[in-house]
C-alpha cells in the first residue's frame, strides 16, 4: 500500500482490509448463511429486495445489515490515523 507510509497507517489499512474481506464474505452469499424459517439460532431477520424474509445468526445478520457503515468508518479512521501519524513524524523531524 504505497499511499500509507507510516507504520500506524499501514496497520490501520490492513485491519480495514480484513473488515472489508469479512463484510464481502458475509454479503456475498446470504443464502449460504440464512434460513427462511426462524429457529433457536437464526433469530436475526432481514427482508430482501424481493420481499423474502431471511433469518441469520445475530452476528452475521448484524454484519450484513450494518457492515457497510463499519467499512466506511474503518476507512475514515485509517485515513485519519495516517494523517495524524504523518503530522507527528513531521513535527518530530523539524524539532
C-alpha atoms as a PDB file:
ATOM      1  CA  UNK A   1       0.000   0.000   0.000  1.00  0.00           C
ATOM      2  CA  UNK A   2       2.127   2.850  -1.269  1.00  0.00           C
ATOM      3  CA  UNK A   3      -0.196   5.592  -0.009  1.00  0.00           C
ATOM      4  CA  UNK A   4       0.320   4.587   3.608  1.00  0.00           C
ATOM      5  CA  UNK A   5       3.877   5.454   4.600  1.00  0.00           C
ATOM      6  CA  UNK A   6       3.713   5.257   8.387  1.00  0.00           C
ATOM      7  CA  UNK A   7       3.508   2.095  10.457  1.00  0.00           C
ATOM      8  CA  UNK A   8       0.231   3.088  12.209  1.00  0.00           C
ATOM      9  CA  UNK A   9      -1.296   3.896   8.810  1.00  0.00           C
ATOM     10  CA  UNK A  10      -0.248   0.540   7.382  1.00  0.00           C
ATOM     11  CA  UNK A  11      -1.628  -1.351  10.385  1.00  0.00           C
ATOM     12  CA  UNK A  12      -4.946   0.520  10.156  1.00  0.00           C
ATOM     13  CA  UNK A  13      -5.092  -0.162   6.405  1.00  0.00           C
ATOM     14  CA  UNK A  14      -4.544  -3.893   6.896  1.00  0.00           C
ATOM     15  CA  UNK A  15      -7.236  -4.014   9.594  1.00  0.00           C
ATOM     16  CA  UNK A  16      -9.606  -2.175   7.260  1.00  0.00           C
ATOM     17  CA  UNK A  17      -8.816  -4.696   4.526  1.00  0.00           C
ATOM     18  CA  UNK A  18      -9.703  -7.534   6.923  1.00  0.00           C
ATOM     19  CA  UNK A  19     -13.009  -5.830   7.774  1.00  0.00           C
ATOM     20  CA  UNK A  20     -13.786  -5.409   4.069  1.00  0.00           C
ATOM     21  CA  UNK A  21     -12.986  -9.081   3.490  1.00  0.00           C
ATOM     22  CA  UNK A  22     -15.273 -10.224   6.304  1.00  0.00           C
ATOM     23  CA  UNK A  23     -18.055  -7.986   5.029  1.00  0.00           C
ATOM     24  CA  UNK A  24     -17.601  -9.253   1.473  1.00  0.00           C
ATOM     25  CA  UNK A  25     -17.745 -12.905   2.578  1.00  0.00           C
ATOM     26  CA  UNK A  26     -20.928 -12.342   4.604  1.00  0.00           C
ATOM     27  CA  UNK A  27     -22.743 -10.270   1.995  1.00  0.00           C
ATOM     28  CA  UNK A  28     -21.520 -12.280  -0.986  1.00  0.00           C
ATOM     29  CA  UNK A  29     -23.847 -15.193  -0.377  1.00  0.00           C
ATOM     30  CA  UNK A  30     -26.602 -14.520   2.121  1.00  0.00           C
ATOM     31  CA  UNK A  31     -28.380 -17.740   1.140  1.00  0.00           C
ATOM     32  CA  UNK A  32     -25.358 -19.645   2.486  1.00  0.00           C
ATOM     33  CA  UNK A  33     -25.876 -18.129   5.934  1.00  0.00           C
ATOM     34  CA  UNK A  34     -29.659 -17.854   6.136  1.00  0.00           C
ATOM     35  CA  UNK A  35     -32.771 -19.915   6.652  1.00  0.00           C
ATOM     36  CA  UNK A  36     -36.286 -18.946   5.610  1.00  0.00           C
ATOM     37  CA  UNK A  37     -37.955 -20.089   8.827  1.00  0.00           C
ATOM     38  CA  UNK A  38     -36.544 -18.757  12.124  1.00  0.00           C
ATOM     39  CA  UNK A  39     -35.267 -21.210  14.679  1.00  0.00           C
ATOM     40  CA  UNK A  40     -33.440 -21.004  18.005  1.00  0.00           C
ATOM     41  CA  UNK A  41     -30.122 -19.900  16.464  1.00  0.00           C
ATOM     42  CA  UNK A  42     -31.298 -17.945  13.402  1.00  0.00           C
ATOM     43  CA  UNK A  43     -33.184 -15.091  15.025  1.00  0.00           C
ATOM     44  CA  UNK A  44     -31.989 -12.001  13.113  1.00  0.00           C
ATOM     45  CA  UNK A  45     -34.498 -11.300  10.341  1.00  0.00           C
ATOM     46  CA  UNK A  46     -33.784  -9.238   7.226  1.00  0.00           C
ATOM     47  CA  UNK A  47     -36.292  -8.613   4.437  1.00  0.00           C
ATOM     48  CA  UNK A  48     -34.670  -8.778   0.983  1.00  0.00           C
ATOM     49  CA  UNK A  49     -35.499  -6.602  -2.019  1.00  0.00           C
ATOM     50  CA  UNK A  50     -37.696  -9.379  -3.398  1.00  0.00           C
ATOM     51  CA  UNK A  51     -39.838  -9.382  -0.273  1.00  0.00           C
ATOM     52  CA  UNK A  52     -38.429 -12.625   1.162  1.00  0.00           C
ATOM     53  CA  UNK A  53     -37.550 -12.770   4.837  1.00  0.00           C
ATOM     54  CA  UNK A  54     -34.206 -14.398   5.604  1.00  0.00           C
ATOM     55  CA  UNK A  55     -33.122 -15.247   9.141  1.00  0.00           C
ATOM     56  CA  UNK A  56     -29.475 -15.223  10.206  1.00  0.00           C
ATOM     57  CA  UNK A  57     -27.478 -15.853  13.324  1.00  0.00           C
ATOM     58  CA  UNK A  58     -27.328 -12.490  15.122  1.00  0.00           C
ATOM     59  CA  UNK A  59     -23.620 -11.657  14.457  1.00  0.00           C
ATOM     60  CA  UNK A  60     -23.870 -12.460  10.741  1.00  0.00           C
ATOM     61  CA  UNK A  61     -27.168 -10.608  10.370  1.00  0.00           C
ATOM     62  CA  UNK A  62     -25.751  -7.546  12.082  1.00  0.00           C
ATOM     63  CA  UNK A  63     -22.723  -7.533   9.753  1.00  0.00           C
ATOM     64  CA  UNK A  64     -24.933  -7.884   6.687  1.00  0.00           C
ATOM     65  CA  UNK A  65     -27.243  -5.084   7.788  1.00  0.00           C
ATOM     66  CA  UNK A  66     -24.711  -2.605   9.243  1.00  0.00           C
ATOM     67  CA  UNK A  67     -21.389  -3.713   7.757  1.00  0.00           C
ATOM     68  CA  UNK A  68     -21.229  -1.058   5.057  1.00  0.00           C
ATOM     69  CA  UNK A  69     -21.200   1.661   7.711  1.00  0.00           C
ATOM     70  CA  UNK A  70     -18.481  -0.200   9.598  1.00  0.00           C
ATOM     71  CA  UNK A  71     -16.365  -0.387   6.419  1.00  0.00           C
ATOM     72  CA  UNK A  72     -16.845   3.329   5.708  1.00  0.00           C
ATOM     73  CA  UNK A  73     -15.965   4.200   9.307  1.00  0.00           C
ATOM     74  CA  UNK A  74     -12.869   1.997   9.251  1.00  0.00           C
ATOM     75  CA  UNK A  75     -11.703   3.649   6.018  1.00  0.00           C
ATOM     76  CA  UNK A  76     -12.158   7.116   7.523  1.00  0.00           C
ATOM     77  CA  UNK A  77     -10.324   6.124  10.701  1.00  0.00           C
ATOM     78  CA  UNK A  78      -7.496   4.697   8.577  1.00  0.00           C
ATOM     79  CA  UNK A  79      -7.104   7.973   6.692  1.00  0.00           C
ATOM     80  CA  UNK A  80      -7.235   9.927   9.955  1.00  0.00           C
ATOM     81  CA  UNK A  81      -4.585   7.705  11.562  1.00  0.00           C
ATOM     82  CA  UNK A  82      -2.309   8.165   8.544  1.00  0.00           C
ATOM     83  CA  UNK A  83      -2.715  11.956   8.554  1.00  0.00           C
ATOM     84  CA  UNK A  84      -2.066  12.221  12.306  1.00  0.00           C
ATOM     85  CA  UNK A  85       0.957   9.909  12.086  1.00  0.00           C
ATOM     86  CA  UNK A  86       2.438  11.956   9.243  1.00  0.00           C
ATOM     87  CA  UNK A  87       1.891  15.169  11.211  1.00  0.00           C
ATOM     88  CA  UNK A  88       3.605  13.695  14.280  1.00  0.00           C
ATOM     89  CA  UNK A  89       6.557  12.496  12.178  1.00  0.00           C
ATOM     90  CA  UNK A  90       6.942  15.945  10.518  1.00  0.00           C
ATOM     91  CA  UNK A  91       6.741  17.723  13.875  1.00  0.00           C
ATOM     92  CA  UNK A  92       9.325  15.392  15.401  1.00  0.00           C
ATOM     93  CA  UNK A  93      11.662  15.722  12.408  1.00  0.00           C
ATOM     94  CA  UNK A  94      11.585  19.545  12.484  1.00  0.00           C
ATOM     95  CA  UNK A  95      12.448  19.820  16.165  1.00  0.00           C
END
